[in-house]
Amino acid sequence: MKKSNQNLKFSSLPETINLLGIELGKVIKDQAGIKYFKIVEKIRSNSKKYRSTKSDKYLTENFKILSKLNSNEIFIITKAFTIFFYLSNISEQVFRLKFLDSAKLKINSSPKEKLVFSPVFTAHPTESSRQSTLKKYLRLGK
């Protein structure tokens, strides 16, 4: 594996996510090959273009790309995007903590009678993870 740039600056969340994406791209090239890196980049680029234009041609192109891949290739592409989303989520958590620390927000304690429980439902079920996996993500975040 090629040496990564150790002098990266993580001054903003978008910049951090971009830098982590670049580093992930290097890993994809090294471990899966340039072919899969190009596929991931094309799908990513088309997805960004779709979000900004709402033109179905970008979704159609992504579908065509994906429909030509076998199940092992789909796994590689899926894994790349999954890791990117994990890295993005970890980055967001780290920046949220930095924001809370810098804002020096204080949480007022309330009597138990004043507490309100409100469940939050997401578009997807919460993913259960092994404890060892969660610890690795925690180390990445630090």
C-alpha atoms as a PDB file:
ATOM      1  CA  MET A   1       0.000   0.000   0.000  1.00  0.00           C
ATOM      2  CA  LYS A   2       1.243   3.468  -0.853  1.00  0.00           C
ATOM      3  CA  LYS A   3       2.107   5.900   1.912  1.00  0.00           C
ATOM      4  CA  SER A   4      -0.680   8.352   2.752  1.00  0.00           C
ATOM      5  CA  ASN A   5      -0.163  12.059   3.227  1.00  0.00           C
ATOM      6  CA  GLN A   6       0.414  12.576   6.954  1.00  0.00           C
ATOM      7  CA  ASN A   7       0.041  16.379   6.748  1.00  0.00           C
ATOM      8  CA  LEU A   8      -3.679  16.457   6.029  1.00  0.00           C
ATOM      9  CA  LYS A   9      -5.644  19.338   7.523  1.00  0.00           C
ATOM     10  CA  PHE A  10      -9.079  18.586   8.894  1.00  0.00           C
ATOM     11  CA  SER A  11     -10.331  22.138   9.404  1.00  0.00           C
ATOM     12  CA  SER A  12     -13.926  21.718   8.193  1.00  0.00           C
ATOM     13  CA  LEU A  13     -16.327  18.825   7.831  1.00  0.00           C
ATOM     14  CA  PRO A  14     -16.633  19.019   4.013  1.00  0.00           C
ATOM     15  CA  GLU A  15     -12.854  19.277   3.654  1.00  0.00           C
ATOM     16  CA  THR A  16     -12.361  16.308   5.984  1.00  0.00           C
ATOM     17  CA  ILE A  17     -14.879  14.155   4.127  1.00  0.00           C
ATOM     18  CA  ASN A  18     -13.238  15.099   0.824  1.00  0.00           C
ATOM     19  CA  LEU A  19      -9.763  14.213   2.119  1.00  0.00           C
ATOM     20  CA  LEU A  20     -10.991  10.898   3.507  1.00  0.00           C
ATOM     21  CA  GLY A  21     -12.656  10.182   0.162  1.00  0.00           C
ATOM     22  CA  ILE A  22      -9.353  10.807  -1.613  1.00  0.00           C
ATOM     23  CA  GLU A  23      -7.547   8.474   0.776  1.00  0.00           C
ATOM     24  CA  LEU A  24     -10.250   5.830   0.322  1.00  0.00           C
ATOM     25  CA  GLY A  25      -9.829   6.189  -3.443  1.00  0.00           C
ATOM     26  CA  LYS A  26      -6.143   5.354  -3.045  1.00  0.00           C
ATOM     27  CA  VAL A  27      -7.041   2.263  -1.034  1.00  0.00           C
ATOM     28  CA  ILE A  28      -9.582   1.168  -3.657  1.00  0.00           C
ATOM     29  CA  LYS A  29      -6.954   1.544  -6.408  1.00  0.00           C
ATOM     30  CA  ASP A  30      -4.390  -0.405  -4.388  1.00  0.00           C
ATOM     31  CA  GLN A  31      -6.656  -3.199  -3.197  1.00  0.00           C
ATOM     32  CA  ALA A  32      -9.328  -3.578  -5.873  1.00  0.00           C
ATOM     33  CA  GLY A  33      -7.683  -1.970  -8.882  1.00  0.00           C
ATOM     34  CA  ILE A  34      -8.114   1.048 -11.112  1.00  0.00           C
ATOM     35  CA  LYS A  35     -11.108  -0.547 -12.884  1.00  0.00           C
ATOM     36  CA  TYR A  36     -13.195  -0.508  -9.707  1.00  0.00           C
ATOM     37  CA  PHE A  37     -11.948   2.914  -8.693  1.00  0.00           C
ATOM     38  CA  LYS A  38     -13.186   4.283 -12.036  1.00  0.00           C
ATOM     39  CA  ILE A  39     -16.569   2.571 -11.607  1.00  0.00           C
ATOM     40  CA  VAL A  40     -16.982   3.991  -8.094  1.00  0.00           C
ATOM     41  CA  GLU A  41     -15.988   7.456  -9.301  1.00  0.00           C
ATOM     42  CA  LYS A  42     -18.396   7.322 -12.249  1.00  0.00           C
ATOM     43  CA  ILE A  43     -21.297   6.260 -10.029  1.00  0.00           C
ATOM     44  CA  ARG A  44     -20.379   8.940  -7.472  1.00  0.00           C
ATOM     45  CA  SER A  45     -20.104  11.619 -10.160  1.00  0.00           C
ATOM     46  CA  ASN A  46     -23.407  10.613 -11.768  1.00  0.00           C
ATOM     47  CA  SER A  47     -25.108  10.639  -8.365  1.00  0.00           C
ATOM     48  CA  LYS A  48     -23.871  14.158  -7.637  1.00  0.00           C
ATOM     49  CA  LYS A  49     -25.027  15.324 -11.066  1.00  0.00           C
ATOM     50  CA  TYR A  50     -28.428  13.741 -10.498  1.00  0.00           C
ATOM     51  CA  ARG A  51     -28.820  15.513  -7.131  1.00  0.00           C
ATOM     52  CA  SER A  52     -28.058  18.886  -8.691  1.00  0.00           C
ATOM     53  CA  THR A  53     -30.021  18.479 -11.951  1.00  0.00           C
ATOM     54  CA  LYS A  54     -32.688  15.831 -11.172  1.00  0.00           C
ATOM     55  CA  SER A  55     -32.025  14.505 -14.678  1.00  0.00           C
ATOM     56  CA  ASP A  56     -32.857  10.799 -14.916  1.00  0.00           C
ATOM     57  CA  LYS A  57     -30.106  10.242 -17.473  1.00  0.00           C
ATOM     58  CA  TYR A  58     -27.577  10.020 -14.621  1.00  0.00           C
ATOM     59  CA  LEU A  59     -29.606   7.402 -12.790  1.00  0.00           C
ATOM     60  CA  THR A  60     -30.051   5.479 -16.015  1.00  0.00           C
ATOM     61  CA  GLU A  61     -26.311   5.532 -16.649  1.00  0.00           C
ATOM     62  CA  ASN A  62     -25.631   4.252 -13.127  1.00  0.00           C
ATOM     63  CA  PHE A  63     -28.152   1.476 -13.632  1.00  0.00           C
ATOM     64  CA  LYS A  64     -26.466   0.478 -16.885  1.00  0.00           C
ATOM     65  CA  ILE A  65     -23.046   0.429 -15.206  1.00  0.00           C
ATOM     66  CA  LEU A  66     -24.298  -1.684 -12.318  1.00  0.00           C
ATOM     67  CA  SER A  67     -26.296  -4.080 -14.490  1.00  0.00           C
ATOM     68  CA  LYS A  68     -23.105  -5.103 -16.326  1.00  0.00           C
ATOM     69  CA  LEU A  69     -21.371  -6.171 -13.103  1.00  0.00           C
ATOM     70  CA  ASN A  70     -21.419  -9.628 -11.569  1.00  0.00           C
ATOM     71  CA  SER A  71     -22.212 -10.206  -7.892  1.00  0.00           C
ATOM     72  CA  ASN A  72     -18.559 -10.112  -6.797  1.00  0.00           C
ATOM     73  CA  GLU A  73     -18.046  -6.787  -8.564  1.00  0.00           C
ATOM     74  CA  ILE A  74     -21.248  -5.389  -7.039  1.00  0.00           C
ATOM     75  CA  PHE A  75     -19.872  -6.417  -3.641  1.00  0.00           C
ATOM     76  CA  ILE A  76     -16.661  -4.441  -4.250  1.00  0.00           C
ATOM     77  CA  ILE A  77     -18.592  -1.330  -5.308  1.00  0.00           C
ATOM     78  CA  THR A  78     -21.006  -1.635  -2.399  1.00  0.00           C
ATOM     79  CA  LYS A  79     -18.152  -2.075   0.061  1.00  0.00           C
ATOM     80  CA  ALA A  80     -16.452   1.083  -1.251  1.00  0.00           C
ATOM     81  CA  PHE A  81     -19.567   3.202  -0.731  1.00  0.00           C
ATOM     82  CA  THR A  82     -20.266   1.606   2.654  1.00  0.00           C
ATOM     83  CA  ILE A  83     -16.780   2.463   3.895  1.00  0.00           C
ATOM     84  CA  PHE A  84     -17.132   6.004   2.564  1.00  0.00           C
ATOM     85  CA  PHE A  85     -20.397   6.455   4.461  1.00  0.00           C
ATOM     86  CA  TYR A  86     -18.826   5.063   7.640  1.00  0.00           C
ATOM     87  CA  LEU A  87     -15.934   7.519   7.302  1.00  0.00           C
ATOM     88  CA  SER A  88     -18.355  10.393   6.642  1.00  0.00           C
ATOM     89  CA  ASN A  89     -20.446   9.512   9.682  1.00  0.00           C
ATOM     90  CA  ILE A  90     -17.377   9.235  11.911  1.00  0.00           C
ATOM     91  CA  SER A  91     -16.185  12.629  10.641  1.00  0.00           C
ATOM     92  CA  GLU A  92     -19.551  14.183  11.390  1.00  0.00           C
ATOM     93  CA  GLN A  93     -19.505  12.776  14.920  1.00  0.00           C
ATOM     94  CA  VAL A  94     -15.997  14.109  15.559  1.00  0.00           C
ATOM     95  CA  PHE A  95     -16.913  17.584  14.271  1.00  0.00           C
ATOM     96  CA  ARG A  96     -20.124  17.577  16.304  1.00  0.00           C
ATOM     97  CA  LEU A  97     -18.086  16.854  19.449  1.00  0.00           C
ATOM     98  CA  LYS A  98     -15.627  19.625  18.568  1.00  0.00           C
ATOM     99  CA  PHE A  99     -18.552  22.005  18.044  1.00  0.00           C
ATOM    100  CA  LEU A 100     -20.159  21.072  21.349  1.00  0.00           C
ATOM    101  CA  ASP A 101     -16.826  21.428  23.148  1.00  0.00           C
ATOM    102  CA  SER A 102     -16.112  24.809  21.579  1.00  0.00           C
ATOM    103  CA  ALA A 103     -19.624  26.067  22.243  1.00  0.00           C
ATOM    104  CA  LYS A 104     -19.289  24.949  25.876  1.00  0.00           C
ATOM    105  CA  LEU A 105     -22.928  24.002  25.945  1.00  0.00           C
ATOM    106  CA  LYS A 106     -24.282  22.991  29.297  1.00  0.00           C
ATOM    107  CA  ILE A 107     -26.990  20.425  29.682  1.00  0.00           C
ATOM    108  CA  ASN A 108     -29.389  21.325  32.444  1.00  0.00           C
ATOM    109  CA  SER A 109     -30.585  18.435  34.496  1.00  0.00           C
ATOM    110  CA  SER A 110     -34.354  18.165  34.782  1.00  0.00           C
ATOM    111  CA  PRO A 111     -36.511  16.355  37.241  1.00  0.00           C
ATOM    112  CA  LYS A 112     -37.568  12.971  35.960  1.00  0.00           C
ATOM    113  CA  GLU A 113     -41.168  14.130  35.636  1.00  0.00           C
ATOM    114  CA  LYS A 114     -40.214  16.768  33.028  1.00  0.00           C
ATOM    115  CA  LEU A 115     -38.344  14.389  30.737  1.00  0.00           C
ATOM    116  CA  VAL A 116     -40.048  13.504  27.472  1.00  0.00           C
ATOM    117  CA  PHE A 117     -39.330  10.351  25.499  1.00  0.00           C
ATOM    118  CA  SER A 118     -39.774  10.739  21.741  1.00  0.00           C
ATOM    119  CA  PRO A 119     -38.758   7.825  19.534  1.00  0.00           C
ATOM    120  CA  VAL A 120     -37.151   8.718  16.224  1.00  0.00           C
ATOM    121  CA  PHE A 121     -37.784   6.554  13.196  1.00  0.00           C
ATOM    122  CA  THR A 122     -35.286   6.584  10.371  1.00  0.00           C
ATOM    123  CA  ALA A 123     -35.587   5.503   6.765  1.00  0.00           C
ATOM    124  CA  HIS A 124     -33.601   2.372   7.522  1.00  0.00           C
ATOM    125  CA  PRO A 125     -33.351   0.066  10.522  1.00  0.00           C
ATOM    126  CA  THR A 126     -30.517   0.668  12.915  1.00  0.00           C
ATOM    127  CA  GLU A 127     -27.569  -1.478  11.964  1.00  0.00           C
ATOM    128  CA  SER A 128     -26.335  -3.736  14.707  1.00  0.00           C
ATOM    129  CA  SER A 129     -22.578  -4.026  14.861  1.00  0.00           C
ATOM    130  CA  ARG A 130     -20.155  -6.250  16.669  1.00  0.00           C
ATOM    131  CA  GLN A 131     -18.446  -4.657  19.654  1.00  0.00           C
ATOM    132  CA  SER A 132     -15.033  -5.123  18.012  1.00  0.00           C
ATOM    133  CA  THR A 133     -16.238  -3.236  14.915  1.00  0.00           C
ATOM    134  CA  LEU A 134     -17.598  -0.385  17.016  1.00  0.00           C
ATOM    135  CA  LYS A 135     -14.281  -0.120  18.865  1.00  0.00           C
ATOM    136  CA  LYS A 136     -12.410   0.117  15.550  1.00  0.00           C
ATOM    137  CA  TYR A 137     -14.704   2.949  14.428  1.00  0.00           C
ATOM    138  CA  LEU A 138     -14.109   4.706  17.737  1.00  0.00           C
ATOM    139  CA  ARG A 139     -10.333   4.466  17.215  1.00  0.00           C
ATOM    140  CA  LEU A 140     -10.747   5.827  13.670  1.00  0.00           C
ATOM    141  CA  GLY A 141     -12.720   8.753  15.052  1.00  0.00           C
ATOM    142  CA  LYS A 142      -9.975   9.615  17.517  1.00  0.00           C
END
